[in-house]
Amino acid sequence: MAYDNGSKMLIFIDDADDAAMYPVQSLLAVTVAGDGQVLMKFKSSIGGRTGAEHDSVALTCTADKELVVFKAIADAINKPGIAGNDGHVVVCDDVNSVFLHANILSCLITLDT
């Protein structure tokens, strides 16, 4: 039986009062936005009307380690029981210095407006 990752949530915290949590099924794409920059795009959390709107989380990572970060995110999404909890994955928590992978250094959340 395959593990259903559709209910897993991805957590990002970039400041004391700035955080986001997205269901895995809202993830649209993960791309390299530049050297040491991984961009994760999610369906809009405020429900854009045209379907083109999206939220994004920019992960700053170690230069030239973008593929390693891609794989770590994919592995975490697909692995049941990560950190003893099937329901969530902390990808980046700048406030408490908790990162899914050692090559993730920080994040910046941008919501659809």
N, C-alpha and C. Protein backbone atom coordinates (compact mmCIF):
# COMPACT_ATOMS: atom_id res chain seq x y z
N MET A 1 0.85 -1.18 0.00
CA MET A 1 0.00 0.00 0.00
C MET A 1 0.89 1.25 0.00
N ALA A 2 0.64 2.16 -0.89
CA ALA A 2 1.42 3.40 -0.97
C ALA A 2 1.00 4.36 0.13
N TYR A 3 1.97 5.13 0.59
CA TYR A 3 1.71 6.14 1.60
C TYR A 3 1.03 7.33 0.95
N ASP A 4 -0.03 7.84 1.55
CA ASP A 4 -0.75 9.01 1.03
C ASP A 4 -0.14 10.27 1.62
N ASN A 5 0.66 10.99 0.81
CA ASN A 5 1.28 12.22 1.30
C ASN A 5 0.39 13.44 1.09
N GLY A 6 -0.81 13.24 0.55
CA GLY A 6 -1.70 14.35 0.25
C GLY A 6 -2.13 15.14 1.46
N SER A 7 -2.09 14.54 2.63
CA SER A 7 -2.51 15.25 3.83
C SER A 7 -1.34 15.88 4.58
N LYS A 8 -0.12 15.65 4.12
CA LYS A 8 1.06 16.20 4.79
C LYS A 8 1.14 17.71 4.55
N MET A 9 1.57 18.43 5.56
CA MET A 9 1.69 19.89 5.49
C MET A 9 3.15 20.30 5.50
N LEU A 10 3.50 21.32 4.71
CA LEU A 10 4.85 21.88 4.68
C LEU A 10 4.85 23.20 5.43
N ILE A 11 5.76 23.35 6.38
CA ILE A 11 5.80 24.53 7.26
C ILE A 11 7.03 25.37 6.96
N PHE A 12 6.80 26.70 6.90
CA PHE A 12 7.86 27.68 6.68
C PHE A 12 7.67 28.83 7.67
N ILE A 13 8.73 29.24 8.32
CA ILE A 13 8.69 30.39 9.25
C ILE A 13 9.88 31.26 8.92
N ASP A 14 9.61 32.52 8.51
CA ASP A 14 10.73 33.38 8.17
C ASP A 14 10.91 34.56 9.13
N ASP A 15 10.00 34.70 10.09
CA ASP A 15 10.11 35.75 11.11
C ASP A 15 9.15 35.38 12.23
N ALA A 16 9.27 36.05 13.36
CA ALA A 16 8.45 35.71 14.53
C ALA A 16 6.96 35.73 14.22
N ASP A 17 6.51 36.64 13.38
CA ASP A 17 5.09 36.74 13.05
C ASP A 17 4.83 36.53 11.56
N ASP A 18 5.66 35.73 10.91
CA ASP A 18 5.49 35.48 9.48
C ASP A 18 5.75 34.00 9.22
N ALA A 19 4.68 33.26 9.02
CA ALA A 19 4.78 31.83 8.81
C ALA A 19 3.71 31.38 7.82
N ALA A 20 3.96 30.24 7.21
CA ALA A 20 2.99 29.66 6.28
C ALA A 20 3.04 28.15 6.40
N MET A 21 1.88 27.52 6.18
CA MET A 21 1.80 26.07 6.15
C MET A 21 0.91 25.70 4.97
N TYR A 22 1.44 24.87 4.08
CA TYR A 22 0.73 24.50 2.87
C TYR A 22 0.57 22.98 2.80
N PRO A 23 -0.59 22.51 2.34
CA PRO A 23 -0.72 21.08 2.08
C PRO A 23 0.14 20.72 0.86
N VAL A 24 0.71 19.54 0.89
CA VAL A 24 1.57 19.09 -0.21
C VAL A 24 0.87 19.22 -1.56
N GLN A 25 -0.42 18.93 -1.59
CA GLN A 25 -1.12 18.99 -2.88
C GLN A 25 -1.24 20.40 -3.44
N SER A 26 -0.89 21.44 -2.67
CA SER A 26 -0.88 22.82 -3.17
C SER A 26 0.45 23.20 -3.81
N LEU A 27 1.45 22.33 -3.71
CA LEU A 27 2.74 22.60 -4.31
C LEU A 27 2.63 22.51 -5.82
N LEU A 28 2.97 23.61 -6.51
CA LEU A 28 2.89 23.66 -7.97
C LEU A 28 4.21 23.35 -8.65
N ALA A 29 5.32 23.86 -8.08
CA ALA A 29 6.62 23.69 -8.71
C ALA A 29 7.73 24.05 -7.74
N VAL A 30 8.89 23.48 -8.00
CA VAL A 30 10.11 23.84 -7.29
C VAL A 30 11.16 24.11 -8.37
N THR A 31 11.74 25.30 -8.36
CA THR A 31 12.69 25.69 -9.40
C THR A 31 13.92 26.34 -8.77
N VAL A 32 14.98 26.42 -9.56
CA VAL A 32 16.17 27.18 -9.14
C VAL A 32 15.98 28.59 -9.65
N ALA A 33 15.98 29.54 -8.72
CA ALA A 33 15.76 30.94 -9.08
C ALA A 33 17.09 31.69 -9.25
N GLY A 34 18.19 31.04 -8.96
CA GLY A 34 19.52 31.63 -9.05
C GLY A 34 20.46 30.79 -8.20
N ASP A 35 21.73 31.11 -8.24
CA ASP A 35 22.70 30.36 -7.46
C ASP A 35 22.37 30.46 -5.98
N GLY A 36 22.09 29.33 -5.37
CA GLY A 36 21.75 29.32 -3.95
C GLY A 36 20.32 29.75 -3.65
N GLN A 37 19.45 29.75 -4.66
CA GLN A 37 18.05 30.16 -4.47
C GLN A 37 17.10 29.11 -5.05
N VAL A 38 16.30 28.51 -4.18
CA VAL A 38 15.29 27.55 -4.59
C VAL A 38 13.93 28.21 -4.37
N LEU A 39 13.09 28.19 -5.39
CA LEU A 39 11.78 28.83 -5.31
C LEU A 39 10.70 27.76 -5.33
N MET A 40 9.86 27.76 -4.31
CA MET A 40 8.73 26.83 -4.23
C MET A 40 7.46 27.64 -4.46
N LYS A 41 6.65 27.21 -5.43
CA LYS A 41 5.40 27.91 -5.73
C LYS A 41 4.23 27.04 -5.29
N PHE A 42 3.25 27.70 -4.65
CA PHE A 42 2.06 27.03 -4.13
C PHE A 42 0.81 27.71 -4.68
N LYS A 43 -0.27 26.95 -4.72
CA LYS A 43 -1.56 27.56 -5.03
C LYS A 43 -1.80 28.70 -4.06
N SER A 44 -2.44 29.75 -4.52
CA SER A 44 -2.69 30.94 -3.70
C SER A 44 -3.46 30.58 -2.43
N SER A 45 -2.98 31.10 -1.31
CA SER A 45 -3.67 30.86 -0.03
C SER A 45 -4.86 31.78 0.15
N ILE A 46 -5.00 32.79 -0.73
CA ILE A 46 -6.15 33.69 -0.62
C ILE A 46 -7.15 33.47 -1.75
N GLY A 47 -6.91 32.47 -2.56
CA GLY A 47 -7.90 32.10 -3.58
C GLY A 47 -7.99 33.05 -4.74
N GLY A 48 -6.92 33.19 -5.49
CA GLY A 48 -6.92 34.05 -6.66
C GLY A 48 -8.02 33.68 -7.65
N ARG A 49 -8.52 34.65 -8.37
CA ARG A 49 -9.66 34.43 -9.25
C ARG A 49 -9.29 33.92 -10.64
N THR A 50 -8.10 34.23 -11.12
CA THR A 50 -7.75 33.85 -12.49
C THR A 50 -7.04 32.50 -12.57
N GLY A 51 -6.62 31.96 -11.46
CA GLY A 51 -5.89 30.70 -11.46
C GLY A 51 -4.40 30.87 -11.70
N ALA A 52 -3.96 32.08 -12.02
CA ALA A 52 -2.55 32.32 -12.28
C ALA A 52 -1.81 32.76 -11.02
N GLU A 53 -2.53 33.14 -10.01
CA GLU A 53 -1.91 33.64 -8.80
C GLU A 53 -1.30 32.49 -8.02
N HIS A 54 -0.26 32.80 -7.27
CA HIS A 54 0.38 31.80 -6.43
C HIS A 54 1.12 32.46 -5.28
N ASP A 55 1.36 31.69 -4.23
CA ASP A 55 2.24 32.09 -3.14
C ASP A 55 3.60 31.49 -3.46
N SER A 56 4.65 32.06 -2.91
CA SER A 56 5.97 31.47 -3.11
C SER A 56 6.77 31.51 -1.83
N VAL A 57 7.66 30.55 -1.72
CA VAL A 57 8.62 30.52 -0.63
C VAL A 57 9.99 30.40 -1.29
N ALA A 58 10.83 31.41 -1.07
CA ALA A 58 12.19 31.40 -1.60
C ALA A 58 13.10 30.85 -0.51
N LEU A 59 13.76 29.75 -0.82
CA LEU A 59 14.72 29.17 0.11
C LEU A 59 16.12 29.59 -0.31
N THR A 60 16.85 30.17 0.61
CA THR A 60 18.26 30.42 0.38
C THR A 60 19.00 29.17 0.83
N CYS A 61 19.86 28.67 -0.04
CA CYS A 61 20.60 27.46 0.31
C CYS A 61 22.06 27.63 -0.08
N THR A 62 22.86 26.67 0.32
CA THR A 62 24.27 26.68 -0.03
C THR A 62 24.40 26.67 -1.56
N ALA A 63 25.28 27.51 -2.07
CA ALA A 63 25.48 27.60 -3.52
C ALA A 63 25.82 26.23 -4.09
N ASP A 64 25.23 25.94 -5.24
CA ASP A 64 25.45 24.70 -5.98
C ASP A 64 24.93 23.45 -5.27
N LYS A 65 24.06 23.62 -4.28
CA LYS A 65 23.45 22.49 -3.58
C LYS A 65 21.94 22.45 -3.80
N GLU A 66 21.47 23.12 -4.84
CA GLU A 66 20.04 23.18 -5.11
C GLU A 66 19.43 21.79 -5.34
N LEU A 67 20.11 20.94 -6.10
CA LEU A 67 19.60 19.60 -6.36
C LEU A 67 19.50 18.78 -5.07
N VAL A 68 20.46 18.94 -4.19
CA VAL A 68 20.43 18.25 -2.89
C VAL A 68 19.19 18.69 -2.11
N VAL A 69 18.89 19.98 -2.14
CA VAL A 69 17.70 20.51 -1.46
C VAL A 69 16.44 19.97 -2.12
N PHE A 70 16.39 19.96 -3.46
CA PHE A 70 15.24 19.37 -4.18
C PHE A 70 14.97 17.96 -3.67
N LYS A 71 16.02 17.14 -3.64
CA LYS A 71 15.87 15.74 -3.24
C LYS A 71 15.43 15.61 -1.78
N ALA A 72 15.96 16.46 -0.91
CA ALA A 72 15.58 16.41 0.51
C ALA A 72 14.10 16.73 0.68
N ILE A 73 13.61 17.71 -0.07
CA ILE A 73 12.19 18.07 0.00
C ILE A 73 11.34 16.91 -0.52
N ALA A 74 11.71 16.35 -1.66
CA ALA A 74 10.95 15.23 -2.22
C ALA A 74 10.96 14.03 -1.28
N ASP A 75 12.10 13.73 -0.70
CA ASP A 75 12.19 12.61 0.23
C ASP A 75 11.31 12.83 1.45
N ALA A 76 11.32 14.05 1.98
CA ALA A 76 10.52 14.35 3.16
C ALA A 76 9.03 14.26 2.87
N ILE A 77 8.63 14.72 1.71
CA ILE A 77 7.22 14.65 1.32
C ILE A 77 6.76 13.20 1.22
N ASN A 78 7.61 12.35 0.68
CA ASN A 78 7.22 10.98 0.41
C ASN A 78 7.54 9.98 1.52
N LYS A 79 8.20 10.43 2.56
CA LYS A 79 8.57 9.53 3.65
C LYS A 79 7.54 9.60 4.78
N PRO A 80 6.92 8.50 5.09
CA PRO A 80 5.98 8.52 6.23
C PRO A 80 6.77 8.60 7.54
N GLY A 81 6.21 9.29 8.48
CA GLY A 81 6.78 9.32 9.82
C GLY A 81 8.00 10.18 10.00
N ILE A 82 8.24 11.15 9.13
CA ILE A 82 9.42 12.01 9.31
C ILE A 82 9.34 12.71 10.66
N ALA A 83 10.42 12.69 11.37
CA ALA A 83 10.53 13.31 12.70
C ALA A 83 9.42 12.81 13.63
N GLY A 84 8.98 11.58 13.41
CA GLY A 84 7.98 10.99 14.29
C GLY A 84 6.57 11.51 14.06
N ASN A 85 6.35 12.24 12.98
CA ASN A 85 5.02 12.80 12.74
C ASN A 85 4.68 12.69 11.27
N ASP A 86 3.58 12.04 10.97
CA ASP A 86 3.15 11.89 9.57
C ASP A 86 2.50 13.14 9.02
N GLY A 87 2.11 14.09 9.86
CA GLY A 87 1.27 15.19 9.42
C GLY A 87 1.98 16.43 8.93
N HIS A 88 3.25 16.63 9.27
CA HIS A 88 3.90 17.87 8.85
C HIS A 88 5.40 17.69 8.64
N VAL A 89 5.95 18.63 7.84
CA VAL A 89 7.38 18.70 7.60
C VAL A 89 7.79 20.15 7.77
N VAL A 90 8.68 20.43 8.70
CA VAL A 90 9.24 21.78 8.82
C VAL A 90 10.37 21.87 7.80
N VAL A 91 10.14 22.66 6.76
CA VAL A 91 11.15 22.83 5.72
C VAL A 91 12.15 23.89 6.15
N CYS A 92 11.65 24.99 6.70
CA CYS A 92 12.53 26.08 7.12
C CYS A 92 11.87 26.86 8.25
N ASP A 93 12.56 26.96 9.36
CA ASP A 93 12.12 27.76 10.51
C ASP A 93 13.29 28.65 10.90
N ASP A 94 13.31 29.87 10.35
CA ASP A 94 14.39 30.81 10.62
C ASP A 94 14.45 31.23 12.08
N VAL A 95 13.30 31.29 12.74
CA VAL A 95 13.24 31.76 14.12
C VAL A 95 13.94 30.80 15.07
N ASN A 96 13.70 29.50 14.89
CA ASN A 96 14.26 28.50 15.80
C ASN A 96 15.44 27.73 15.19
N SER A 97 15.91 28.17 14.03
CA SER A 97 17.03 27.54 13.33
C SER A 97 16.82 26.04 13.11
N VAL A 98 15.62 25.71 12.59
CA VAL A 98 15.28 24.33 12.26
C VAL A 98 15.12 24.26 10.74
N PHE A 99 15.90 23.39 10.12
CA PHE A 99 15.89 23.29 8.66
C PHE A 99 15.80 21.82 8.25
N LEU A 100 15.02 21.55 7.23
CA LEU A 100 14.86 20.20 6.74
C LEU A 100 16.21 19.58 6.37
N HIS A 101 17.09 20.39 5.80
CA HIS A 101 18.41 19.92 5.36
C HIS A 101 19.45 20.96 5.73
N ALA A 102 20.67 20.51 5.98
CA ALA A 102 21.75 21.42 6.39
C ALA A 102 22.08 22.47 5.33
N ASN A 103 21.74 22.21 4.06
CA ASN A 103 22.02 23.19 3.01
C ASN A 103 20.93 24.24 2.86
N ILE A 104 19.85 24.14 3.60
CA ILE A 104 18.83 25.19 3.62
C ILE A 104 19.25 26.19 4.70
N LEU A 105 19.36 27.46 4.32
CA LEU A 105 19.90 28.48 5.22
C LEU A 105 18.84 29.44 5.74
N SER A 106 17.83 29.74 4.94
CA SER A 106 16.76 30.67 5.34
C SER A 106 15.64 30.61 4.31
N CYS A 107 14.55 31.34 4.61
CA CYS A 107 13.45 31.39 3.66
C CYS A 107 12.78 32.76 3.69
N LEU A 108 12.05 33.04 2.64
CA LEU A 108 11.25 34.25 2.54
C LEU A 108 9.90 33.89 1.92
N ILE A 109 8.82 34.18 2.65
CA ILE A 109 7.47 33.85 2.21
C ILE A 109 6.86 35.06 1.50
N THR A 110 6.28 34.85 0.32
CA THR A 110 5.60 35.90 -0.41
C THR A 110 4.20 35.41 -0.74
N LEU A 111 3.19 36.08 -0.21
CA LEU A 111 1.81 35.70 -0.45
C LEU A 111 1.24 36.41 -1.67
N ASP A 112 0.35 35.73 -2.37
CA ASP A 112 -0.38 36.33 -3.47
C ASP A 112 -1.12 37.55 -2.94
N THR A 113 -1.13 38.63 -3.69
CA THR A 113 -1.85 39.83 -3.23
C THR A 113 -2.97 40.18 -4.16
